[in-house]
Amino acid sequence: MILHCVTVSGTQTKGLTMRTIRWCLPALLLFALAPVLNAKEELVTLPKRDTVQLTIYNSVDLTLVRETRELTFKKGNNRLQFSWANTLIDPTSVEFGTLSNADKLEVLDTSYPAESNQMLIWTINAEEAVSAKVEISYFTSGISWAAEYHGMLSTDESSMRMTAFVSVSNNSGEEYEDAKVRLIVGSINLVEEISALAGGQRQERMKEAYGKMRAADSARNDKKEIVKEGLSEYYIYTIEGTETIPNRWSKRLESFVQDSVPLRTVYTWDPAKYGSALIKLLVFKNDEAHKLGREPLPAGTVRLYRDAGGNRLSFVGAVYTDYIPKNDEVKVNAGFDPEVQLKMKRVSFKKENLTFSWSGNRQYIKGWDTVEDFEIEVKNFRKRAVEFEINVIMSGDFDFDSETANTKIDFRTQRFTLPMKAGESRKIEYSVRTRNGSNIRNK
């Protein structure tokens, strides 16, 4: 049977994609296509992609693309051409596979046309005329994602409605219609492996890495929700629904909405992080008690708002947070609040345990202790209970003492945690003994 080659576009959309597929068809089928071929010789449109899935590895600028289509094969050899011109597709990563009637089809060879370094041809043998669902997969660069979270506070700031978004940017040179988007989140062992690729072993190691990434991506999910799949040290998220992501466009996708996420208000005094001011923090936790915690959350910016009336929003605060494991806290700095106060003063200072030494006929102090007494007064003028977190930071060889319960955070920080009722005032007293000179203890 004489074969004729026709060029077909990669998708059936408003305009052709950069990438095209050439499909060799039997002469009999060309009679059915005659009206199209008369309009433009040997140009027909392949059925649009049945599905396309993007799995984006942000930290290594790689995206695994899986496309499926239903194709009709003639008995004997069929030739399928794949082109990646004007795209960032890695041609060494392109693979062809059959998802149905695989026992009747066989890929005989893959060749690269001598006149072009931007296309390849698969020769596929069919035992009989048959239709089959096929998958073409490849890795491309130029697609990235960024997460962000918007929280709408309740009137009393005790909870929020959290909406999570993922913004996907496509600069790959290819258009993706009705794509299911998946994100790789967390610590990925493959990142270092791929980033380190260089020299003569690059192609071999890249092929190995691609194989691992394809294997990790093989778990499919059709549920319309964010889904986590534990894979070694990272997670795969599937964004709800499908979206068309044109080339050179960015699109924000809603990933989940959670109502009534509990919030704590903590007034924090921490000079090492926030300077000398008392800072209001709005705190939530990525756990089940806070109606979250199904999976780690991607790194991104958390922004909190309150309803200012008249369809207006009032910005409360924001924080950029790294990858948030399950059970980790997120603290959003909401700035200064005049309805709470903290005053600190040193009430006494003295030197003790002086030790002396002689140098020639002169005597000098070689060791001493300083003993300082402090008082902190906190006031809550708000009409509801709040929590204070006061961090006292010291240096040197010291002893810390207070009758108020406190916790050692690290080698130089003691923390007082005080729940405060509406309108309540409290005082904290503590003393610090610091050894200096020869009085410093040997460790």
Protein backbone atom coordinates (compact mmCIF):
# COMPACT_ATOMS: atom_id res chain seq x y z
CA MET A 1 0.00 0.00 0.00
CA ILE A 2 1.33 3.44 -0.90
CA LEU A 3 1.80 5.73 2.09
CA HIS A 4 1.25 9.47 2.02
CA CYS A 5 2.54 11.84 4.70
CA VAL A 6 0.38 14.66 6.00
CA THR A 7 1.35 17.38 8.44
CA VAL A 8 -0.99 17.86 11.39
CA SER A 9 -1.00 20.38 14.18
CA GLY A 10 -0.30 19.41 17.78
CA THR A 11 -3.70 20.71 18.99
CA GLN A 12 -7.04 21.99 17.74
CA THR A 13 -7.12 25.49 19.18
CA LYS A 14 -7.25 29.11 18.05
CA GLY A 15 -4.13 28.89 15.91
CA LEU A 16 -1.49 26.23 15.60
CA THR A 17 1.03 25.37 18.25
CA MET A 18 4.75 25.79 17.65
CA ARG A 19 5.16 22.02 17.73
CA THR A 20 3.74 19.79 14.98
CA ILE A 21 3.27 16.07 14.44
CA ARG A 22 3.59 14.44 11.01
CA TRP A 23 1.46 11.32 10.56
CA CYS A 24 1.76 8.93 7.60
CA LEU A 25 -1.69 7.69 6.52
CA PRO A 26 -2.85 5.01 4.04
CA ALA A 27 -4.12 6.19 0.65
CA LEU A 28 -7.64 4.95 1.42
CA LEU A 29 -7.93 7.32 4.38
CA LEU A 30 -6.79 10.26 2.27
CA PHE A 31 -10.00 10.00 0.19
CA ALA A 32 -11.98 10.79 3.33
CA LEU A 33 -9.74 13.82 3.91
CA ALA A 34 -10.02 15.14 0.36
CA PRO A 35 -12.12 18.25 1.20
CA VAL A 36 -9.48 19.35 3.67
CA LEU A 37 -6.54 18.58 1.42
CA ASN A 38 -8.09 20.56 -1.45
CA ALA A 39 -8.16 23.63 0.79
CA LYS A 40 -4.52 23.27 1.75
CA GLU A 41 -2.49 20.41 0.35
CA GLU A 42 -1.63 17.72 2.89
CA LEU A 43 -2.73 19.80 5.92
CA VAL A 44 -5.24 18.30 8.34
CA THR A 45 -5.96 18.73 12.01
CA LEU A 46 -5.23 15.95 14.47
CA PRO A 47 -7.89 15.45 17.15
CA LYS A 48 -7.11 17.75 20.07
CA ARG A 49 -5.26 16.37 23.03
CA ASP A 50 -7.51 14.18 25.11
CA THR A 51 -5.51 15.13 28.19
CA VAL A 52 -2.37 17.04 29.07
CA GLN A 53 -0.71 16.95 32.46
CA LEU A 54 2.09 19.22 33.69
CA THR A 55 4.20 18.19 36.68
CA ILE A 56 6.36 21.18 37.58
CA TYR A 57 9.71 20.75 39.36
CA ASN A 58 10.23 24.39 40.29
CA SER A 59 13.70 24.26 41.81
CA VAL A 60 15.34 22.66 38.75
CA ASP A 61 13.28 24.45 36.04
CA LEU A 62 11.87 21.24 34.64
CA THR A 63 8.32 20.24 33.83
CA LEU A 64 7.24 16.74 32.87
CA VAL A 65 4.53 16.95 30.18
CA ARG A 66 2.27 13.98 29.43
CA GLU A 67 -0.08 14.30 26.41
CA THR A 68 -2.61 11.69 25.31
CA ARG A 69 -4.50 11.39 22.01
CA GLU A 70 -6.61 8.78 20.22
CA LEU A 71 -4.93 7.83 16.91
CA THR A 72 -5.81 5.44 14.10
CA PHE A 73 -3.05 3.17 12.73
CA LYS A 74 -3.02 1.28 9.43
CA LYS A 75 -1.71 -2.26 9.21
CA GLY A 76 2.04 -2.20 8.65
CA ASN A 77 4.51 0.61 9.27
CA ASN A 78 3.34 4.07 10.29
CA ARG A 79 5.55 7.13 10.65
CA LEU A 80 5.01 9.81 13.26
CA GLN A 81 7.06 12.99 13.29
CA PHE A 82 7.59 15.14 16.40
CA SER A 83 9.02 18.70 16.24
CA TRP A 84 10.16 20.93 19.10
CA ALA A 85 11.11 24.03 17.10
CA ASN A 86 10.88 27.33 19.01
CA THR A 87 10.27 25.59 22.34
CA LEU A 88 12.40 24.69 25.37
CA ILE A 89 11.60 20.98 25.09
CA ASP A 90 14.57 18.70 25.78
CA PRO A 91 14.61 16.41 22.70
CA THR A 92 16.54 13.71 24.57
CA SER A 93 13.58 13.32 26.92
CA VAL A 94 10.84 12.71 24.33
CA GLU A 95 9.11 9.32 24.68
CA PHE A 96 6.22 7.64 22.84
CA GLY A 97 3.99 5.09 24.53
CA THR A 98 0.71 3.27 23.93
CA LEU A 99 -1.98 3.20 26.61
CA SER A 100 -4.39 0.86 24.77
CA ASN A 101 -3.93 -1.97 22.25
CA ALA A 102 -0.25 -2.00 23.15
CA ASP A 103 0.02 -5.67 22.14
CA LYS A 104 -0.85 -4.74 18.53
CA LEU A 105 1.65 -1.86 18.20
CA GLU A 106 5.44 -1.73 18.28
CA VAL A 107 7.86 1.19 17.97
CA LEU A 108 10.47 -0.08 15.52
CA ASP A 109 12.87 2.85 15.59
CA THR A 110 13.37 6.52 16.33
CA SER A 111 15.32 8.63 13.85
CA TYR A 112 16.35 12.27 13.58
CA PRO A 113 15.99 13.82 10.04
CA ALA A 114 19.33 14.86 8.66
CA GLU A 115 17.97 18.17 7.36
CA SER A 116 16.74 19.27 10.75
CA ASN A 117 17.93 19.07 14.34
CA GLN A 118 14.48 20.01 15.61
CA MET A 119 12.41 16.93 14.83
CA LEU A 120 12.37 13.16 15.15
CA ILE A 121 10.39 10.37 13.46
CA TRP A 122 9.00 7.26 15.12
CA THR A 123 8.35 4.21 12.95
CA ILE A 124 5.44 2.30 14.48
CA ASN A 125 4.34 -1.13 13.25
CA ALA A 126 0.70 -2.22 13.64
CA GLU A 127 -0.32 -5.88 13.36
CA GLU A 128 -3.67 -4.73 12.01
CA ALA A 129 -5.63 -1.53 11.43
CA VAL A 130 -6.39 -0.33 14.94
CA SER A 131 -7.20 2.73 17.03
CA ALA A 132 -5.19 3.31 20.19
CA LYS A 133 -4.70 5.89 22.88
CA VAL A 134 -1.09 7.05 22.82
CA GLU A 135 0.99 9.15 25.19
CA ILE A 136 3.82 11.47 24.22
CA SER A 137 5.84 12.66 27.20
CA TYR A 138 8.82 14.97 27.49
CA PHE A 139 10.57 17.43 29.79
CA THR A 140 10.56 21.14 29.10
CA SER A 141 11.96 24.23 30.79
CA GLY A 142 10.35 27.64 31.18
CA ILE A 143 7.33 26.71 33.30
CA SER A 144 7.30 27.75 36.96
CA TRP A 145 4.87 28.18 39.85
CA ALA A 146 4.58 30.33 42.96
CA ALA A 147 2.18 29.86 45.88
CA GLU A 148 0.35 32.51 47.89
CA TYR A 149 -2.20 32.42 50.66
CA HIS A 150 -4.92 34.98 51.46
CA GLY A 151 -6.55 34.99 54.88
CA MET A 152 -9.75 36.95 55.61
CA LEU A 153 -9.94 37.58 59.35
CA SER A 154 -13.10 37.19 61.37
CA THR A 155 -14.32 40.24 63.29
CA ASP A 156 -12.66 39.14 66.53
CA GLU A 157 -9.51 37.83 64.74
CA SER A 158 -10.00 34.39 66.27
CA SER A 159 -10.22 32.66 62.87
CA MET A 160 -9.84 33.27 59.13
CA ARG A 161 -11.01 32.01 55.80
CA MET A 162 -7.88 30.87 53.99
CA THR A 163 -7.68 30.71 50.21
CA ALA A 164 -4.57 29.21 48.62
CA PHE A 165 -3.49 30.08 45.08
CA VAL A 166 -0.82 28.84 42.72
CA SER A 167 0.37 31.15 39.94
CA VAL A 168 1.74 29.24 36.95
CA SER A 169 3.95 31.07 34.43
CA ASN A 170 4.55 29.57 31.00
CA ASN A 171 7.55 30.69 28.95
CA SER A 172 8.26 27.32 27.38
CA GLY A 173 7.28 28.22 23.80
CA GLU A 174 4.36 25.75 23.86
CA GLU A 175 0.67 26.25 24.67
CA TYR A 176 -1.15 23.88 27.00
CA GLU A 177 -4.93 23.64 26.73
CA ASP A 178 -7.09 22.20 29.52
CA ALA A 179 -4.03 21.09 31.44
CA LYS A 180 -4.05 19.34 34.78
CA VAL A 181 -1.32 20.96 36.87
CA ARG A 182 0.73 19.13 39.47
CA LEU A 183 3.39 20.66 41.71
CA ILE A 184 6.43 19.12 43.33
CA VAL A 185 6.77 20.46 46.88
CA GLY A 186 9.39 19.79 49.51
CA SER A 187 12.93 18.49 49.66
CA ILE A 188 13.75 16.69 46.43
CA ASN A 189 16.77 14.40 46.31
CA LEU A 190 16.84 14.72 42.53
CA VAL A 191 17.53 18.46 42.72
CA GLU A 192 21.16 18.00 43.72
CA GLU A 193 21.55 15.15 41.25
CA ILE A 194 20.32 17.21 38.31
CA SER A 195 22.00 20.44 39.38
CA ALA A 196 25.35 18.66 39.56
CA LEU A 197 25.15 17.27 36.04
CA ALA A 198 28.16 18.27 33.96
CA GLY A 199 30.79 16.89 31.63
CA GLY A 200 30.70 13.60 29.79
CA GLN A 201 28.33 11.91 32.23
CA ARG A 202 25.64 14.55 31.84
CA GLN A 203 23.48 12.76 29.28
CA GLU A 204 23.65 9.40 31.07
CA ARG A 205 22.84 10.89 34.49
CA MET A 206 20.10 13.10 33.06
CA LYS A 207 18.47 10.06 31.48
CA GLU A 208 18.62 8.26 34.83
CA ALA A 209 17.13 11.29 36.61
CA TYR A 210 14.35 11.57 34.00
CA GLY A 211 13.50 7.92 34.58
CA LYS A 212 13.16 8.47 38.33
CA MET A 213 11.00 11.54 37.82
CA ARG A 214 8.71 9.69 35.40
CA ALA A 215 8.37 6.82 37.86
CA ALA A 216 7.46 9.22 40.67
CA ASP A 217 4.87 10.85 38.43
CA SER A 218 3.21 7.58 37.44
CA ALA A 219 0.68 7.74 40.30
CA ARG A 220 -2.46 9.23 38.75
CA ASN A 221 -5.20 11.13 40.53
CA ASP A 222 -8.56 12.13 39.11
CA LYS A 223 -10.13 13.68 42.24
CA LYS A 224 -11.00 17.35 42.05
CA GLU A 225 -8.95 18.46 45.03
CA ILE A 226 -5.43 19.12 46.22
CA VAL A 227 -3.81 15.74 46.76
CA LYS A 228 -0.54 14.86 48.39
CA GLU A 229 1.38 11.74 47.56
CA GLY A 230 4.29 10.95 49.84
CA LEU A 231 7.27 10.17 47.62
CA SER A 232 10.55 9.95 49.47
CA GLU A 233 11.07 13.46 50.85
CA TYR A 234 8.71 15.42 48.66
CA TYR A 235 5.04 15.67 47.76
CA ILE A 236 3.02 15.92 44.56
CA TYR A 237 0.05 18.29 44.58
CA THR A 238 -2.69 18.10 41.99
CA ILE A 239 -4.51 21.40 41.45
CA GLU A 240 -8.29 21.16 41.18
CA GLY A 241 -9.73 21.05 37.68
CA THR A 242 -7.95 21.93 34.43
CA GLU A 243 -6.74 25.22 33.00
CA THR A 244 -5.49 26.51 29.65
CA ILE A 245 -2.04 28.05 30.12
CA PRO A 246 -0.95 29.98 27.00
CA ASN A 247 2.69 30.59 26.18
CA ARG A 248 4.08 33.84 27.68
CA TRP A 249 1.17 34.04 30.10
CA SER A 250 0.81 33.63 33.83
CA LYS A 251 -2.37 32.33 35.37
CA ARG A 252 -3.43 32.16 39.00
CA LEU A 253 -5.18 28.93 39.97
CA GLU A 254 -7.15 28.43 43.16
CA SER A 255 -5.81 25.37 44.96
CA PHE A 256 -7.99 25.18 48.08
CA VAL A 257 -10.31 27.16 50.37
CA GLN A 258 -10.63 26.46 54.09
CA ASP A 259 -13.15 28.23 56.32
CA SER A 260 -12.77 28.92 60.05
CA VAL A 261 -9.04 28.29 60.39
CA PRO A 262 -8.29 29.10 64.08
CA LEU A 263 -5.92 32.00 64.82
CA ARG A 264 -4.01 32.95 67.95
CA THR A 265 -3.02 36.52 68.72
CA VAL A 266 0.39 36.60 70.36
CA TYR A 267 2.10 39.84 71.41
CA THR A 268 5.79 39.18 71.12
CA TRP A 269 8.77 41.01 72.50
CA ASP A 270 11.83 39.61 70.75
CA PRO A 271 14.64 42.17 70.21
CA ALA A 272 16.66 39.74 68.10
CA LYS A 273 13.86 39.43 65.49
CA TYR A 274 11.68 42.53 65.76
CA GLY A 275 13.75 45.17 67.54
CA SER A 276 12.64 46.84 70.74
CA ALA A 277 8.94 47.13 69.85
CA LEU A 278 6.15 44.85 71.09
CA ILE A 279 4.84 43.16 67.94
CA LYS A 280 1.44 41.65 67.29
CA LEU A 281 1.64 38.23 65.65
CA LEU A 282 -1.30 36.32 64.18
CA VAL A 283 -0.44 32.62 64.40
CA PHE A 284 -1.89 29.51 62.79
CA LYS A 285 -0.60 25.98 62.55
CA ASN A 286 -0.52 23.54 59.67
CA ASP A 287 -2.28 20.75 61.56
CA GLU A 288 -5.67 19.09 61.80
CA ALA A 289 -6.71 21.18 64.81
CA HIS A 290 -6.45 24.22 62.52
CA LYS A 291 -8.37 22.41 59.73
CA LEU A 292 -5.13 22.08 57.75
CA GLY A 293 -2.29 19.58 58.04
CA ARG A 294 -3.36 17.16 55.32
CA GLU A 295 0.02 17.80 53.69
CA PRO A 296 2.96 20.22 53.83
CA LEU A 297 2.23 23.61 52.27
CA PRO A 298 4.32 25.04 49.42
CA ALA A 299 6.58 27.99 50.12
CA GLY A 300 4.87 31.30 49.45
CA THR A 301 3.58 34.59 50.79
CA VAL A 302 0.83 34.65 53.42
CA ARG A 303 -1.25 37.85 53.39
CA LEU A 304 -3.95 38.65 55.94
CA TYR A 305 -6.85 41.09 55.44
CA ARG A 306 -9.89 42.29 57.33
CA ASP A 307 -13.21 43.60 56.04
CA ALA A 308 -13.11 47.41 56.08
CA GLY A 309 -16.73 47.76 54.94
CA GLY A 310 -18.06 49.06 51.66
CA ASN A 311 -16.51 46.14 49.75
CA ARG A 312 -13.06 47.29 50.83
CA LEU A 313 -10.25 45.26 52.33
CA SER A 314 -7.80 46.45 54.97
CA PHE A 315 -4.33 44.93 54.80
CA VAL A 316 -3.20 43.47 58.14
CA GLY A 317 0.19 41.91 57.49
CA ALA A 318 2.22 39.49 55.40
CA VAL A 319 5.08 37.06 55.68
CA TYR A 320 7.02 34.98 53.18
CA THR A 321 7.38 31.47 54.49
CA ASP A 322 9.46 28.55 53.31
CA TYR A 323 7.99 25.10 52.70
CA ILE A 324 5.68 24.50 55.70
CA PRO A 325 5.85 20.94 57.05
CA LYS A 326 2.87 19.42 58.83
CA ASN A 327 2.49 20.71 62.42
CA ASP A 328 4.66 23.81 61.80
CA GLU A 329 3.46 27.27 62.85
CA VAL A 330 3.17 30.34 60.64
CA LYS A 331 3.48 33.75 62.31
CA VAL A 332 2.30 36.87 60.47
CA ASN A 333 3.60 40.20 61.73
CA ALA A 334 0.60 42.52 62.14
CA GLY A 335 2.72 45.41 63.47
CA PHE A 336 2.23 47.63 66.52
CA ASP A 337 -0.98 47.62 68.58
CA PRO A 338 -1.60 50.61 70.90
CA GLU A 339 -4.03 48.55 72.98
CA VAL A 340 -1.22 46.60 74.61
CA GLN A 341 1.86 47.86 76.43
CA LEU A 342 5.19 46.53 77.65
CA LYS A 343 7.58 48.51 79.83
CA MET A 344 10.94 47.18 80.96
CA LYS A 345 13.35 48.72 83.43
CA ARG A 346 16.46 47.74 85.36
CA VAL A 347 15.79 48.27 89.04
CA SER A 348 19.25 47.50 90.47
CA PHE A 349 22.84 46.87 89.45
CA LYS A 350 25.81 45.79 91.54
CA LYS A 351 29.18 44.05 91.35
CA GLU A 352 30.04 41.09 93.53
CA ASN A 353 32.79 38.48 94.02
CA LEU A 354 35.62 40.77 93.03
CA THR A 355 38.99 39.02 92.70
CA PHE A 356 42.31 40.90 92.47
CA SER A 357 45.80 40.39 91.13
CA TRP A 358 49.07 42.27 91.26
CA SER A 359 51.13 43.48 88.33
CA GLY A 360 54.37 44.85 89.68
CA ASN A 361 53.31 47.21 92.44
CA ARG A 362 49.83 47.79 91.00
CA GLN A 363 46.68 45.89 91.93
CA TYR A 364 43.85 45.33 89.42
CA ILE A 365 40.52 43.51 89.30
CA LYS A 366 40.80 40.27 87.37
CA GLY A 367 37.33 38.83 87.98
CA TRP A 368 33.88 39.99 89.04
CA ASP A 369 30.15 39.25 88.84
CA THR A 370 27.48 41.72 87.82
CA VAL A 371 24.05 41.25 89.34
CA GLU A 372 21.14 43.01 87.61
CA ASP A 373 17.49 43.02 88.62
CA PHE A 374 14.81 43.79 86.03
CA GLU A 375 11.09 44.42 86.02
CA ILE A 376 8.74 44.04 83.05
CA GLU A 377 5.18 45.34 83.21
CA VAL A 378 2.63 44.26 80.59
CA LYS A 379 -0.89 45.62 80.15
CA ASN A 380 -3.77 44.37 78.02
CA PHE A 381 -6.25 47.16 77.28
CA ARG A 382 -8.15 45.04 74.78
CA LYS A 383 -11.63 43.72 75.47
CA ARG A 384 -10.57 40.11 74.99
CA ALA A 385 -7.91 37.76 76.27
CA VAL A 386 -4.54 37.71 74.51
CA GLU A 387 -1.19 36.00 74.93
CA PHE A 388 2.19 37.61 75.61
CA GLU A 389 5.48 36.01 74.63
CA ILE A 390 8.46 37.81 76.15
CA ASN A 391 11.97 36.77 75.12
CA VAL A 392 14.84 37.86 77.35
CA ILE A 393 18.18 37.66 75.53
CA MET A 394 21.47 37.60 77.43
CA SER A 395 25.13 37.00 76.61
CA GLY A 396 28.22 35.71 78.33
CA ASP A 397 28.48 33.32 81.29
CA PHE A 398 25.27 34.02 83.20
CA ASP A 399 22.68 32.60 85.59
CA PHE A 400 19.02 33.51 85.15
CA ASP A 401 16.51 33.50 87.98
CA SER A 402 12.80 34.39 88.21
CA GLU A 403 9.82 33.32 90.26
CA THR A 404 7.64 33.61 87.14
CA ALA A 405 7.55 30.42 85.06
CA ASN A 406 9.79 30.59 81.99
CA THR A 407 11.32 28.34 79.35
CA LYS A 408 14.87 28.10 78.06
CA ILE A 409 14.72 28.52 74.27
CA ASP A 410 18.43 28.38 73.49
CA PHE A 411 21.78 29.05 75.16
CA ARG A 412 21.02 32.78 75.54
CA THR A 413 17.21 33.13 75.50
CA GLN A 414 14.61 32.67 78.25
CA ARG A 415 10.92 33.01 77.37
CA PHE A 416 7.95 34.08 79.51
CA THR A 417 4.54 33.04 78.16
CA LEU A 418 1.69 34.94 79.75
CA PRO A 419 -2.02 34.48 78.97
CA MET A 420 -3.66 37.82 79.76
CA LYS A 421 -7.33 38.46 80.40
CA ALA A 422 -9.14 41.52 79.05
CA GLY A 423 -7.96 44.64 80.92
CA GLU A 424 -5.35 42.71 82.96
CA SER A 425 -1.90 43.99 84.01
CA ARG A 426 1.00 41.88 85.23
CA LYS A 427 4.59 42.33 86.38
CA ILE A 428 7.55 40.02 85.85
CA GLU A 429 10.70 40.23 87.93
CA TYR A 430 13.95 38.47 87.13
CA SER A 431 17.65 38.74 87.88
CA VAL A 432 20.74 37.99 85.83
CA ARG A 433 24.16 37.21 87.33
CA THR A 434 26.96 37.49 84.76
CA ARG A 435 30.51 36.32 85.47
CA ASN A 436 33.36 38.34 84.00
CA GLY A 437 37.12 38.01 83.71
CA SER A 438 38.66 35.16 85.72
CA ASN A 439 35.28 34.41 87.29
CA ILE A 440 34.04 32.86 84.05
CA ARG A 441 33.53 29.16 84.54
CA ASN A 442 35.60 26.68 82.53
CA LYS A 443 33.37 24.58 80.29
